[in-house]
C-alpha cells in the first residue's frame, strides 16, 4: 500500500495498549540517506489562548505503527513521553 504525507497528516494516533488518544499527525521525520520515514511527529497542544506556552511534541518511531486506517493510526507502544525541545537563546542573552 502506498501512502502520501498528505494522507497521513491529521490522522488521529491511538495507542493499542491502553486506548489513549495521543493526538493528530502533524509531521514526519525522513532519513534522507536511506529515503525512509523514521518517525511521525505530533505537535504539542498550544497553551492558554495559544499565547502562553505549549505542550511538548511527541515523536513516535515508524516501527511502533501497527495499522494505518482510514481515519486513525494505531501504535503498539504505551503512550510515548513528550520530547523536550532545546530552548533557543534569547536576543541579547549573555553566555
N, C-alpha and C. Protein backbone atom coordinates (compact mmCIF):
# COMPACT_ATOMS: atom_id res chain seq x y z
N UNK A 1 0.83 -1.18 0.00
CA UNK A 1 0.00 0.00 0.00
C UNK A 1 0.88 1.24 0.00
N UNK A 2 0.58 2.17 -0.86
CA UNK A 2 1.29 3.44 -0.90
C UNK A 2 0.51 4.48 -0.13
N UNK A 3 1.24 5.41 0.48
CA UNK A 3 0.60 6.44 1.28
C UNK A 3 1.40 7.73 1.14
N UNK A 4 0.72 8.82 0.96
CA UNK A 4 1.38 10.13 0.87
C UNK A 4 1.35 10.80 2.24
N UNK A 5 2.22 11.80 2.39
CA UNK A 5 2.23 12.56 3.63
C UNK A 5 0.89 13.25 3.84
N UNK A 6 0.31 13.76 2.77
CA UNK A 6 -0.99 14.43 2.90
C UNK A 6 -2.08 13.46 3.34
N UNK A 7 -1.92 12.17 3.04
CA UNK A 7 -2.87 11.17 3.52
C UNK A 7 -2.69 10.91 5.01
N UNK A 8 -1.45 10.95 5.48
CA UNK A 8 -1.17 10.71 6.90
C UNK A 8 -1.52 11.91 7.78
N UNK A 9 -1.30 13.09 7.25
CA UNK A 9 -1.48 14.31 8.03
C UNK A 9 -2.91 14.38 8.57
N UNK A 10 -3.01 14.73 9.81
CA UNK A 10 -4.28 14.93 10.52
C UNK A 10 -5.02 13.63 10.84
N UNK A 11 -4.35 12.47 10.71
CA UNK A 11 -4.96 11.23 11.19
C UNK A 11 -4.71 11.15 12.69
N UNK A 12 -5.68 10.64 13.41
CA UNK A 12 -5.55 10.52 14.86
C UNK A 12 -4.71 9.30 15.21
N UNK A 13 -3.82 9.46 16.20
CA UNK A 13 -2.95 8.38 16.65
C UNK A 13 -3.48 7.85 17.98
N UNK A 14 -3.68 6.53 18.04
CA UNK A 14 -4.23 5.89 19.24
C UNK A 14 -3.32 4.75 19.65
N UNK A 15 -3.08 4.63 20.95
CA UNK A 15 -2.26 3.54 21.49
C UNK A 15 -3.11 2.28 21.62
N UNK A 16 -2.61 1.17 21.08
CA UNK A 16 -3.33 -0.10 21.16
C UNK A 16 -3.27 -0.69 22.57
N UNK A 17 -2.26 -0.32 23.35
CA UNK A 17 -2.10 -0.89 24.69
C UNK A 17 -3.20 -0.44 25.65
N UNK A 18 -3.47 0.87 25.67
CA UNK A 18 -4.44 1.38 26.64
C UNK A 18 -5.55 2.22 26.01
N UNK A 19 -5.55 2.35 24.69
CA UNK A 19 -6.61 3.09 24.01
C UNK A 19 -6.52 4.60 24.13
N UNK A 20 -5.38 5.10 24.56
CA UNK A 20 -5.19 6.53 24.74
C UNK A 20 -5.12 7.23 23.39
N UNK A 21 -5.84 8.33 23.28
CA UNK A 21 -5.75 9.18 22.09
C UNK A 21 -4.58 10.12 22.29
N UNK A 22 -3.58 9.99 21.46
CA UNK A 22 -2.34 10.75 21.63
C UNK A 22 -2.42 12.10 20.93
N UNK A 23 -3.01 12.14 19.78
CA UNK A 23 -3.12 13.39 19.02
C UNK A 23 -3.20 13.10 17.54
N UNK A 24 -2.94 14.13 16.75
CA UNK A 24 -3.02 14.02 15.30
C UNK A 24 -1.64 14.21 14.68
N UNK A 25 -1.35 13.47 13.63
CA UNK A 25 -0.05 13.55 12.96
C UNK A 25 0.09 14.93 12.31
N UNK A 26 1.20 15.59 12.63
CA UNK A 26 1.48 16.91 12.07
C UNK A 26 2.68 16.92 11.14
N UNK A 27 3.60 15.98 11.33
CA UNK A 27 4.83 16.00 10.54
C UNK A 27 5.44 14.59 10.54
N UNK A 28 6.39 14.37 9.66
CA UNK A 28 7.15 13.13 9.63
C UNK A 28 8.63 13.47 9.58
N UNK A 29 9.45 12.56 10.08
CA UNK A 29 10.90 12.71 10.01
C UNK A 29 11.41 11.67 9.02
N UNK A 30 12.18 12.14 8.03
CA UNK A 30 12.66 11.29 6.94
C UNK A 30 14.18 11.20 7.00
N UNK A 31 14.70 9.99 6.86
CA UNK A 31 16.14 9.78 6.73
C UNK A 31 16.48 10.00 5.26
N UNK A 32 17.16 11.09 4.96
CA UNK A 32 17.44 11.44 3.56
C UNK A 32 18.49 10.54 2.92
N UNK A 33 19.32 9.89 3.74
CA UNK A 33 20.33 9.00 3.17
C UNK A 33 19.70 7.70 2.66
N UNK A 34 18.73 7.19 3.40
CA UNK A 34 18.07 5.93 3.03
C UNK A 34 16.73 6.15 2.35
N UNK A 35 16.25 7.37 2.34
CA UNK A 35 14.93 7.72 1.77
C UNK A 35 13.81 6.92 2.42
N UNK A 36 13.84 6.86 3.77
CA UNK A 36 12.79 6.17 4.51
C UNK A 36 12.23 7.07 5.60
N UNK A 37 10.99 6.81 5.97
CA UNK A 37 10.37 7.54 7.07
C UNK A 37 10.87 6.94 8.38
N UNK A 38 11.38 7.77 9.26
CA UNK A 38 11.93 7.32 10.52
C UNK A 38 10.88 7.37 11.63
N UNK A 39 10.11 8.46 11.69
CA UNK A 39 9.12 8.60 12.74
C UNK A 39 8.06 9.62 12.35
N UNK A 40 6.98 9.61 13.13
CA UNK A 40 5.93 10.61 12.95
C UNK A 40 5.98 11.57 14.12
N UNK A 41 5.52 12.79 13.91
CA UNK A 41 5.56 13.82 14.93
C UNK A 41 4.15 14.33 15.20
N UNK A 42 3.83 14.43 16.48
CA UNK A 42 2.58 15.03 16.91
C UNK A 42 2.95 16.27 17.71
N UNK A 43 2.55 17.43 17.21
CA UNK A 43 2.89 18.68 17.89
C UNK A 43 2.12 18.78 19.20
N UNK A 44 2.76 19.42 20.19
CA UNK A 44 2.11 19.66 21.47
C UNK A 44 0.98 20.66 21.31
N UNK A 45 0.02 20.55 22.18
CA UNK A 45 -1.12 21.47 22.13
C UNK A 45 -0.71 22.85 22.60
N UNK A 46 -1.29 23.89 22.00
CA UNK A 46 -0.96 25.25 22.44
C UNK A 46 -1.51 25.51 23.84
N UNK A 47 -0.89 26.46 24.51
CA UNK A 47 -1.32 26.82 25.86
C UNK A 47 -2.53 27.73 25.86
N UNK A 48 -2.68 28.49 26.90
CA UNK A 48 -3.82 29.37 27.13
C UNK A 48 -3.99 30.36 25.98
N UNK A 49 -5.08 30.27 25.25
CA UNK A 49 -5.40 31.13 24.10
C UNK A 49 -4.27 31.16 23.07
N UNK A 50 -3.49 30.11 23.00
CA UNK A 50 -2.35 29.99 22.08
C UNK A 50 -1.30 31.06 22.32
N UNK A 51 -1.34 31.69 23.48
CA UNK A 51 -0.39 32.76 23.79
C UNK A 51 0.67 32.32 24.79
N UNK A 52 0.26 31.54 25.77
CA UNK A 52 1.16 31.20 26.86
C UNK A 52 1.56 29.73 26.76
N UNK A 53 2.81 29.49 26.45
CA UNK A 53 3.37 28.15 26.46
C UNK A 53 2.77 27.19 25.45
N UNK A 54 3.33 26.00 25.44
CA UNK A 54 2.89 24.94 24.54
C UNK A 54 3.38 23.63 25.12
N UNK A 55 2.54 22.60 25.03
CA UNK A 55 2.98 21.28 25.48
C UNK A 55 4.07 20.76 24.54
N UNK A 56 4.81 19.80 25.02
CA UNK A 56 5.91 19.27 24.22
C UNK A 56 5.40 18.32 23.14
N UNK A 57 6.21 18.14 22.10
CA UNK A 57 5.85 17.29 20.97
C UNK A 57 6.08 15.82 21.30
N UNK A 58 5.37 14.94 20.58
CA UNK A 58 5.58 13.51 20.65
C UNK A 58 6.24 13.05 19.36
N UNK A 59 7.28 12.24 19.49
CA UNK A 59 7.93 11.64 18.32
C UNK A 59 7.79 10.13 18.47
N UNK A 60 7.10 9.51 17.50
CA UNK A 60 6.81 8.09 17.56
C UNK A 60 7.56 7.38 16.44
N UNK A 61 8.43 6.41 16.78
CA UNK A 61 9.18 5.69 15.74
C UNK A 61 8.25 4.95 14.78
N UNK A 62 8.63 4.91 13.53
CA UNK A 62 7.83 4.26 12.49
C UNK A 62 7.58 2.79 12.81
N UNK A 63 8.55 2.13 13.45
CA UNK A 63 8.41 0.71 13.77
C UNK A 63 7.28 0.44 14.75
N UNK A 64 6.86 1.43 15.51
CA UNK A 64 5.80 1.26 16.50
C UNK A 64 4.41 1.33 15.89
N UNK A 65 4.31 1.66 14.61
CA UNK A 65 3.00 1.76 13.95
C UNK A 65 2.52 0.36 13.58
N UNK A 66 1.34 -0.01 14.08
CA UNK A 66 0.74 -1.32 13.79
C UNK A 66 -0.16 -1.26 12.58
N UNK A 67 -0.97 -0.21 12.50
CA UNK A 67 -2.00 -0.16 11.47
C UNK A 67 -2.28 1.29 11.08
N UNK A 68 -2.38 1.52 9.78
CA UNK A 68 -2.80 2.83 9.27
C UNK A 68 -4.17 2.63 8.66
N UNK A 69 -5.18 3.19 9.32
CA UNK A 69 -6.55 3.04 8.86
C UNK A 69 -7.03 4.25 8.09
N UNK A 70 -8.33 4.29 7.85
CA UNK A 70 -8.95 5.38 7.10
C UNK A 70 -8.80 6.72 7.82
N UNK A 71 -9.06 6.72 9.14
CA UNK A 71 -9.02 7.96 9.93
C UNK A 71 -8.02 7.92 11.07
N UNK A 72 -7.51 6.74 11.41
CA UNK A 72 -6.65 6.62 12.58
C UNK A 72 -5.39 5.82 12.28
N UNK A 73 -4.40 6.01 13.15
CA UNK A 73 -3.16 5.24 13.12
C UNK A 73 -3.04 4.58 14.49
N UNK A 74 -2.88 3.27 14.51
CA UNK A 74 -2.76 2.52 15.76
C UNK A 74 -1.29 2.21 15.99
N UNK A 75 -0.80 2.54 17.21
CA UNK A 75 0.59 2.26 17.56
C UNK A 75 0.64 1.18 18.63
N UNK A 76 1.73 0.41 18.66
CA UNK A 76 1.83 -0.73 19.56
C UNK A 76 2.41 -0.39 20.92
N UNK A 77 2.92 0.80 21.10
CA UNK A 77 3.58 1.13 22.36
C UNK A 77 2.63 1.86 23.30
N UNK A 78 3.06 1.96 24.54
CA UNK A 78 2.34 2.77 25.52
C UNK A 78 2.36 4.22 25.04
N UNK A 79 1.62 5.06 25.71
CA UNK A 79 1.62 6.47 25.36
C UNK A 79 3.05 6.99 25.47
N UNK A 80 3.61 7.52 24.37
CA UNK A 80 5.00 7.97 24.40
C UNK A 80 5.17 9.20 25.29
N UNK A 81 6.38 9.37 25.77
CA UNK A 81 6.68 10.56 26.58
C UNK A 81 7.00 11.71 25.64
N UNK A 82 6.58 12.92 26.00
CA UNK A 82 6.89 14.07 25.15
C UNK A 82 8.39 14.30 25.05
N UNK A 83 8.81 14.84 23.92
CA UNK A 83 10.22 15.15 23.68
C UNK A 83 10.45 16.61 24.01
N UNK A 84 11.42 16.86 24.87
CA UNK A 84 11.71 18.23 25.28
C UNK A 84 12.62 18.88 24.25
N UNK A 85 12.19 20.02 23.74
CA UNK A 85 12.98 20.75 22.76
C UNK A 85 14.01 21.63 23.47
N UNK A 86 15.20 21.75 22.91
CA UNK A 86 16.17 22.67 23.50
C UNK A 86 15.71 24.10 23.32
N UNK A 87 15.91 24.90 24.35
CA UNK A 87 15.48 26.30 24.26
C UNK A 87 16.47 27.10 23.43
N UNK A 88 15.92 28.00 22.63
CA UNK A 88 16.76 28.88 21.82
C UNK A 88 17.20 30.05 22.68
N UNK A 89 18.45 30.50 22.50
CA UNK A 89 18.89 31.66 23.27
C UNK A 89 18.11 32.90 22.85
N UNK A 90 17.78 33.70 23.82
CA UNK A 90 17.04 34.93 23.53
C UNK A 90 17.99 35.99 23.00
N UNK A 91 17.42 36.91 22.26
CA UNK A 91 18.20 38.00 21.70
C UNK A 91 18.84 38.80 22.84
N UNK A 92 20.12 38.99 22.75
CA UNK A 92 20.83 39.78 23.75
C UNK A 92 21.19 39.00 25.00
N UNK A 93 20.98 37.69 24.99
CA UNK A 93 21.31 36.88 26.17
C UNK A 93 22.82 36.78 26.32
N UNK A 94 23.27 36.82 27.55
CA UNK A 94 24.70 36.70 27.83
C UNK A 94 25.05 35.24 28.05
N UNK A 95 26.22 34.85 27.60
CA UNK A 95 26.65 33.46 27.75
C UNK A 95 27.65 33.33 28.84
